[in-house]
Amino acid sequence: MTLYAESSAVLAWLLDQAHGDLAAARLARADRVIASDITLIECDRVLTRAIALDELSESEAIQRQTRLNAVAARWTLLSLDEEIIERARRPFPSEPIRTLDAIHLASALTARKAVPDLQVLSLDDRIRKAAARLGLLLVPTDAELGA
């Protein structure tokens, strides 16, 4: 199974949030994980913000960042190329879509060209709705999320 790891799921795993266990299980079972460079940027920014807001100690944030870096070293990272940028600039089936979400969706669509059975790992409702309308396979399932 090949996953596209969107930031909401990675952050839920990294921060022990709701459904983070589902995200962790999917990441662990995946044969291959694809993510955007944006995923790592978003995760780093959340950890930096958590330190600044005294939500995490610096040592806790460093431990989580180290864990992320170790796992992400095995991922295929997609850079923002012309194809991804061009697709992200166009409308999606379920607008409004935020900028970073558009980049994730465009990245997943690009990855699906190489991996037709790609599954999108996301916990974000807007991403999930748009991804479903684009014909992307979603994990976890709505049933697993209690939706």
C-alpha atoms as a PDB file:
ATOM      1  CA  MET A   1       0.000   0.000   0.000  1.00  0.00           C
ATOM      2  CA  THR A   2       1.259   3.470  -0.928  1.00  0.00           C
ATOM      3  CA  LEU A   3       0.081   6.454   1.098  1.00  0.00           C
ATOM      4  CA  TYR A   4       0.133  10.164   0.485  1.00  0.00           C
ATOM      5  CA  ALA A   5       0.664  11.558   4.012  1.00  0.00           C
ATOM      6  CA  GLU A   6      -1.144  14.855   4.471  1.00  0.00           C
ATOM      7  CA  SER A   7      -0.147  17.114   7.369  1.00  0.00           C
ATOM      8  CA  SER A   8      -3.261  16.699   9.520  1.00  0.00           C
ATOM      9  CA  ALA A   9      -2.669  12.959   9.893  1.00  0.00           C
ATOM     10  CA  VAL A  10       1.072  13.309  10.444  1.00  0.00           C
ATOM     11  CA  LEU A  11       0.487  15.959  13.112  1.00  0.00           C
ATOM     12  CA  ALA A  12      -2.178  13.862  14.837  1.00  0.00           C
ATOM     13  CA  TRP A  13       0.378  11.036  15.089  1.00  0.00           C
ATOM     14  CA  LEU A  14       3.230  13.329  16.094  1.00  0.00           C
ATOM     15  CA  LEU A  15       1.250  15.191  18.770  1.00  0.00           C
ATOM     16  CA  ASP A  16      -0.778  12.218  20.083  1.00  0.00           C
ATOM     17  CA  GLN A  17      -4.030  13.849  19.007  1.00  0.00           C
ATOM     18  CA  ALA A  18      -7.395  12.290  18.207  1.00  0.00           C
ATOM     19  CA  HIS A  19      -7.062   9.510  15.619  1.00  0.00           C
ATOM     20  CA  GLY A  20      -3.275   9.804  15.770  1.00  0.00           C
ATOM     21  CA  ASP A  21      -3.186   6.085  16.520  1.00  0.00           C
ATOM     22  CA  LEU A  22      -5.019   5.372  13.254  1.00  0.00           C
ATOM     23  CA  ALA A  23      -2.573   7.552  11.345  1.00  0.00           C
ATOM     24  CA  ALA A  24       0.403   5.875  13.035  1.00  0.00           C
ATOM     25  CA  ALA A  25      -0.924   2.408  12.174  1.00  0.00           C
ATOM     26  CA  ARG A  26      -1.421   3.338   8.512  1.00  0.00           C
ATOM     27  CA  LEU A  27       2.035   4.900   8.285  1.00  0.00           C
ATOM     28  CA  ALA A  28       3.590   1.808   9.881  1.00  0.00           C
ATOM     29  CA  ARG A  29       1.810  -0.593   7.500  1.00  0.00           C
ATOM     30  CA  ALA A  30       2.530   1.362   4.326  1.00  0.00           C
ATOM     31  CA  ASP A  31       4.954  -0.096   1.822  1.00  0.00           C
ATOM     32  CA  ARG A  32       5.709   3.426   0.645  1.00  0.00           C
ATOM     33  CA  VAL A  33       4.843   6.901   1.928  1.00  0.00           C
ATOM     34  CA  ILE A  34       4.763   9.956  -0.291  1.00  0.00           C
ATOM     35  CA  ALA A  35       4.451  13.454   1.150  1.00  0.00           C
ATOM     36  CA  SER A  36       4.925  17.028   0.088  1.00  0.00           C
ATOM     37  CA  ASP A  37       7.803  19.115   1.371  1.00  0.00           C
ATOM     38  CA  ILE A  38       4.938  21.205   2.767  1.00  0.00           C
ATOM     39  CA  THR A  39       4.099  18.390   5.205  1.00  0.00           C
ATOM     40  CA  LEU A  40       7.469  18.645   6.909  1.00  0.00           C
ATOM     41  CA  ILE A  41       7.353  22.446   6.897  1.00  0.00           C
ATOM     42  CA  GLU A  42       3.895  22.434   8.499  1.00  0.00           C
ATOM     43  CA  CYS A  43       4.978  19.932  11.155  1.00  0.00           C
ATOM     44  CA  ASP A  44       8.103  21.931  11.998  1.00  0.00           C
ATOM     45  CA  ARG A  45       6.079  25.151  12.222  1.00  0.00           C
ATOM     46  CA  VAL A  46       3.528  23.542  14.556  1.00  0.00           C
ATOM     47  CA  LEU A  47       6.317  22.331  16.847  1.00  0.00           C
ATOM     48  CA  THR A  48       7.983  25.755  16.822  1.00  0.00           C
ATOM     49  CA  ARG A  49       4.657  27.425  17.608  1.00  0.00           C
ATOM     50  CA  ALA A  50       3.984  24.928  20.418  1.00  0.00           C
ATOM     51  CA  ILE A  51       7.291  25.899  22.057  1.00  0.00           C
ATOM     52  CA  ALA A  52       6.530  29.613  21.690  1.00  0.00           C
ATOM     53  CA  LEU A  53       3.073  29.147  23.251  1.00  0.00           C
ATOM     54  CA  ASP A  54       4.413  26.944  26.071  1.00  0.00           C
ATOM     55  CA  GLU A  55       2.346  24.000  24.849  1.00  0.00           C
ATOM     56  CA  LEU A  56       5.488  21.832  24.545  1.00  0.00           C
ATOM     57  CA  SER A  57       8.864  22.127  26.166  1.00  0.00           C
ATOM     58  CA  GLU A  58      11.785  22.560  23.837  1.00  0.00           C
ATOM     59  CA  SER A  59      13.065  19.083  24.696  1.00  0.00           C
ATOM     60  CA  GLU A  60       9.641  17.520  23.966  1.00  0.00           C
ATOM     61  CA  ALA A  61       9.483  19.323  20.631  1.00  0.00           C
ATOM     62  CA  ILE A  62      12.997  18.201  19.732  1.00  0.00           C
ATOM     63  CA  GLN A  63      12.083  14.585  20.558  1.00  0.00           C
ATOM     64  CA  ARG A  64       9.017  14.784  18.318  1.00  0.00           C
ATOM     65  CA  GLN A  65      10.962  16.454  15.527  1.00  0.00           C
ATOM     66  CA  THR A  66      13.646  13.753  15.772  1.00  0.00           C
ATOM     67  CA  ARG A  67      10.960  11.062  15.555  1.00  0.00           C
ATOM     68  CA  LEU A  68       9.424  12.765  12.503  1.00  0.00           C
ATOM     69  CA  ASN A  69      12.800  13.151  10.782  1.00  0.00           C
ATOM     70  CA  ALA A  70      13.630   9.481  11.361  1.00  0.00           C
ATOM     71  CA  VAL A  71      10.345   8.320   9.837  1.00  0.00           C
ATOM     72  CA  ALA A  72      10.339  10.887   7.019  1.00  0.00           C
ATOM     73  CA  ALA A  73      13.836   9.838   5.951  1.00  0.00           C
ATOM     74  CA  ARG A  74      12.149   6.782   4.393  1.00  0.00           C
ATOM     75  CA  TRP A  75       9.448   8.822   2.621  1.00  0.00           C
ATOM     76  CA  THR A  76       9.402  10.052  -0.948  1.00  0.00           C
ATOM     77  CA  LEU A  77       9.109  13.832  -0.748  1.00  0.00           C
ATOM     78  CA  LEU A  78       7.511  15.827  -3.541  1.00  0.00           C
ATOM     79  CA  SER A  79       8.884  19.292  -4.170  1.00  0.00           C
ATOM     80  CA  LEU A  80       6.728  22.074  -5.498  1.00  0.00           C
ATOM     81  CA  ASP A  81       7.226  21.733  -9.222  1.00  0.00           C
ATOM     82  CA  GLU A  82       5.458  23.404 -12.130  1.00  0.00           C
ATOM     83  CA  GLU A  83       2.798  20.668 -12.404  1.00  0.00           C
ATOM     84  CA  ILE A  84       1.857  20.830  -8.712  1.00  0.00           C
ATOM     85  CA  ILE A  85       1.812  24.628  -8.650  1.00  0.00           C
ATOM     86  CA  GLU A  86      -0.281  24.843 -11.818  1.00  0.00           C
ATOM     87  CA  ARG A  87      -2.863  22.359 -10.458  1.00  0.00           C
ATOM     88  CA  ALA A  88      -2.979  24.014  -7.036  1.00  0.00           C
ATOM     89  CA  ARG A  89      -3.827  27.339  -8.682  1.00  0.00           C
ATOM     90  CA  ARG A  90      -6.965  25.942 -10.336  1.00  0.00           C
ATOM     91  CA  PRO A  91     -10.345  25.373  -8.646  1.00  0.00           C
ATOM     92  CA  PHE A  92     -11.154  22.129  -6.860  1.00  0.00           C
ATOM     93  CA  PRO A  93     -14.527  20.348  -6.807  1.00  0.00           C
ATOM     94  CA  SER A  94     -15.367  21.446  -3.271  1.00  0.00           C
ATOM     95  CA  GLU A  95     -14.272  25.018  -2.710  1.00  0.00           C
ATOM     96  CA  PRO A  96     -13.250  26.857  -0.659  1.00  0.00           C
ATOM     97  CA  ILE A  97      -9.850  25.167  -0.420  1.00  0.00           C
ATOM     98  CA  ARG A  98      -7.036  26.829   1.503  1.00  0.00           C
ATOM     99  CA  THR A  99      -3.653  27.353  -0.160  1.00  0.00           C
ATOM    100  CA  LEU A 100      -1.698  24.620   1.633  1.00  0.00           C
ATOM    101  CA  ASP A 101      -4.607  22.219   1.205  1.00  0.00           C
ATOM    102  CA  ALA A 102      -4.584  22.930  -2.540  1.00  0.00           C
ATOM    103  CA  ILE A 103      -0.877  22.095  -2.612  1.00  0.00           C
ATOM    104  CA  HIS A 104      -1.528  18.805  -0.797  1.00  0.00           C
ATOM    105  CA  LEU A 105      -4.355  17.874  -3.156  1.00  0.00           C
ATOM    106  CA  ALA A 106      -2.293  18.781  -6.222  1.00  0.00           C
ATOM    107  CA  SER A 107       0.622  16.753  -4.842  1.00  0.00           C
ATOM    108  CA  ALA A 108      -1.624  13.732  -4.249  1.00  0.00           C
ATOM    109  CA  LEU A 109      -3.005  13.978  -7.782  1.00  0.00           C
ATOM    110  CA  THR A 110       0.533  14.119  -9.157  1.00  0.00           C
ATOM    111  CA  ALA A 111       1.556  11.102  -7.069  1.00  0.00           C
ATOM    112  CA  ARG A 112      -1.511   9.169  -8.244  1.00  0.00           C
ATOM    113  CA  LYS A 113      -0.245   9.378 -11.821  1.00  0.00           C
ATOM    114  CA  ALA A 114       2.675   7.156 -10.797  1.00  0.00           C
ATOM    115  CA  VAL A 115       0.734   5.120  -8.211  1.00  0.00           C
ATOM    116  CA  PRO A 116      -2.866   4.564  -9.402  1.00  0.00           C
ATOM    117  CA  ASP A 117      -3.959   2.884  -6.139  1.00  0.00           C
ATOM    118  CA  LEU A 118      -2.533   5.663  -3.962  1.00  0.00           C
ATOM    119  CA  GLN A 119      -4.393   6.209  -0.695  1.00  0.00           C
ATOM    120  CA  VAL A 120      -4.574   9.655   0.904  1.00  0.00           C
ATOM    121  CA  LEU A 121      -3.977   9.627   4.653  1.00  0.00           C
ATOM    122  CA  SER A 122      -5.780  12.687   6.002  1.00  0.00           C
ATOM    123  CA  LEU A 123      -7.885  13.666   8.993  1.00  0.00           C
ATOM    124  CA  ASP A 124      -8.853  17.087   7.643  1.00  0.00           C
ATOM    125  CA  ASP A 125     -12.527  17.294   6.621  1.00  0.00           C
ATOM    126  CA  ARG A 126     -11.962  19.751   3.761  1.00  0.00           C
ATOM    127  CA  ILE A 127      -9.112  17.718   2.298  1.00  0.00           C
ATOM    128  CA  ARG A 128     -11.091  14.487   2.668  1.00  0.00           C
ATOM    129  CA  LYS A 129     -14.153  15.959   0.977  1.00  0.00           C
ATOM    130  CA  ALA A 130     -12.167  17.395  -1.927  1.00  0.00           C
ATOM    131  CA  ALA A 131     -10.029  14.258  -2.273  1.00  0.00           C
ATOM    132  CA  ALA A 132     -13.130  12.061  -2.444  1.00  0.00           C
ATOM    133  CA  ARG A 133     -14.618  14.290  -5.136  1.00  0.00           C
ATOM    134  CA  LEU A 134     -11.354  13.985  -7.065  1.00  0.00           C
ATOM    135  CA  GLY A 135     -11.644  10.189  -6.916  1.00  0.00           C
ATOM    136  CA  LEU A 136      -8.763   9.695  -4.482  1.00  0.00           C
ATOM    137  CA  LEU A 137      -8.911   6.782  -2.045  1.00  0.00           C
ATOM    138  CA  LEU A 138      -9.059   7.907   1.603  1.00  0.00           C
ATOM    139  CA  VAL A 139      -7.757   6.419   4.817  1.00  0.00           C
ATOM    140  CA  PRO A 140      -8.734   6.073   7.515  1.00  0.00           C
ATOM    141  CA  THR A 141     -12.289   5.289   6.416  1.00  0.00           C
ATOM    142  CA  ASP A 142     -15.193   7.387   7.602  1.00  0.00           C
ATOM    143  CA  ALA A 143     -16.318   4.405   9.697  1.00  0.00           C
ATOM    144  CA  GLU A 144     -12.936   4.280  11.430  1.00  0.00           C
ATOM    145  CA  LEU A 145     -13.277   7.980  12.215  1.00  0.00           C
ATOM    146  CA  GLY A 146     -16.775   7.481  13.575  1.00  0.00           C
ATOM    147  CA  ALA A 147     -18.279   9.685  10.874  1.00  0.00           C
END
